[in-house]
Amino acid sequence: MTSSQPDGSADENSLAPAEITERFDELEPGDAVTVNNRDLIYEVVETDDYAVVAEAPDGHRVTFSQNLQSGGWTVNEPVFAVEPVEE
């Protein structure tokens, strides 16, 4: 995975937690998405109010989940950007 920042950290292009939530809310199973400016494209498998399950091309599944106290999203690192991928 590559990032626009060498360490994968957030930058001035980071989205607000409410914007990230809005983008996750718009996703449906079958949609393609990238997270944190990485080249890896995930396919959305399942969604609910506080989580999105997605699958990488190699079959590895990850769960993006919302912290209900902070409103932020995580997947082994804080999520600071979400971009749908047009096919």
Protein backbone atom coordinates (compact mmCIF):
# COMPACT_ATOMS: atom_id res chain seq x y z
CA MET A 1 0.00 0.00 0.00
CA THR A 2 1.21 3.44 -0.77
CA SER A 3 0.14 6.78 0.54
CA SER A 4 0.64 10.40 -0.39
CA GLN A 5 2.54 10.69 2.89
CA PRO A 6 5.46 8.33 3.57
CA ASP A 7 4.17 7.36 7.01
CA GLY A 8 0.49 7.21 5.97
CA SER A 9 -0.42 9.96 8.41
CA ALA A 10 -3.12 12.55 7.96
CA ASP A 11 -2.35 15.80 6.18
CA GLU A 12 -4.06 19.09 5.36
CA ASN A 13 -6.37 17.18 3.00
CA SER A 14 -7.88 15.21 5.88
CA LEU A 15 -11.66 15.12 5.99
CA ALA A 16 -13.70 16.05 9.04
CA PRO A 17 -15.21 13.06 10.91
CA ALA A 18 -18.72 14.12 9.79
CA GLU A 19 -17.62 14.10 6.13
CA ILE A 20 -16.04 10.65 6.52
CA THR A 21 -19.27 9.37 8.10
CA GLU A 22 -21.29 10.85 5.23
CA ARG A 23 -19.07 9.12 2.66
CA PHE A 24 -19.29 5.77 4.46
CA ASP A 25 -23.09 6.20 4.72
CA GLU A 26 -23.31 6.55 0.92
CA LEU A 27 -21.55 3.22 0.29
CA GLU A 28 -23.45 0.10 -0.71
CA PRO A 29 -22.34 -3.51 -1.20
CA GLY A 30 -20.46 -3.81 -4.48
CA ASP A 31 -19.04 -0.26 -4.34
CA ALA A 32 -15.28 0.21 -4.64
CA VAL A 33 -13.47 2.50 -2.19
CA THR A 34 -9.99 3.58 -1.16
CA VAL A 35 -9.08 4.76 2.33
CA ASN A 36 -6.36 7.10 3.60
CA ASN A 37 -5.06 7.90 0.12
CA ARG A 38 -3.75 4.36 -0.39
CA ASP A 39 -3.63 2.64 -3.77
CA LEU A 40 -5.44 -0.44 -2.42
CA ILE A 41 -9.05 -0.63 -3.62
CA TYR A 42 -11.57 -2.41 -1.40
CA GLU A 43 -14.95 -3.77 -2.47
CA VAL A 44 -17.72 -3.05 0.02
CA VAL A 45 -19.29 -6.30 1.22
CA GLU A 46 -21.65 -5.16 3.98
CA THR A 47 -22.70 -1.93 5.67
CA ASP A 48 -24.59 -0.87 8.77
CA ASP A 49 -24.93 2.33 10.79
CA TYR A 50 -21.53 2.12 12.48
CA ALA A 51 -19.42 -0.22 10.33
CA VAL A 52 -18.46 -1.07 6.76
CA VAL A 53 -17.01 -4.47 5.89
CA ALA A 54 -14.85 -4.45 2.76
CA GLU A 55 -12.67 -6.93 0.91
CA ALA A 56 -9.27 -6.36 -0.69
CA PRO A 57 -8.45 -7.98 -4.06
CA ASP A 58 -6.55 -10.75 -2.23
CA GLY A 59 -9.71 -11.69 -0.29
CA HIS A 60 -8.62 -10.11 3.01
CA ARG A 61 -11.62 -8.54 4.76
CA VAL A 62 -11.43 -5.48 6.95
CA THR A 63 -14.01 -3.67 9.05
CA PHE A 64 -14.07 0.09 9.14
CA SER A 65 -15.83 0.99 12.37
CA GLN A 66 -17.01 4.23 13.93
CA ASN A 67 -16.05 5.13 17.49
CA LEU A 68 -19.34 6.25 18.99
CA GLN A 69 -17.67 8.56 21.52
CA SER A 70 -15.34 10.46 19.20
CA GLY A 71 -17.24 10.01 15.93
CA GLY A 72 -13.98 9.03 14.20
CA TRP A 73 -13.53 5.92 12.06
CA THR A 74 -10.76 3.34 12.41
CA VAL A 75 -9.27 0.30 10.74
CA ASN A 76 -5.95 -0.43 12.51
CA GLU A 77 -5.24 3.30 12.08
CA PRO A 78 -7.41 6.43 12.19
CA VAL A 79 -9.29 6.95 8.96
CA PHE A 80 -8.71 10.47 7.60
CA ALA A 81 -9.90 10.14 4.00
CA VAL A 82 -12.42 8.05 2.05
CA GLU A 83 -12.77 8.17 -1.73
CA PRO A 84 -15.22 6.21 -3.86
CA VAL A 85 -13.68 4.74 -7.01
CA GLU A 86 -15.53 5.18 -10.28
CA GLU A 87 -15.42 2.08 -12.45
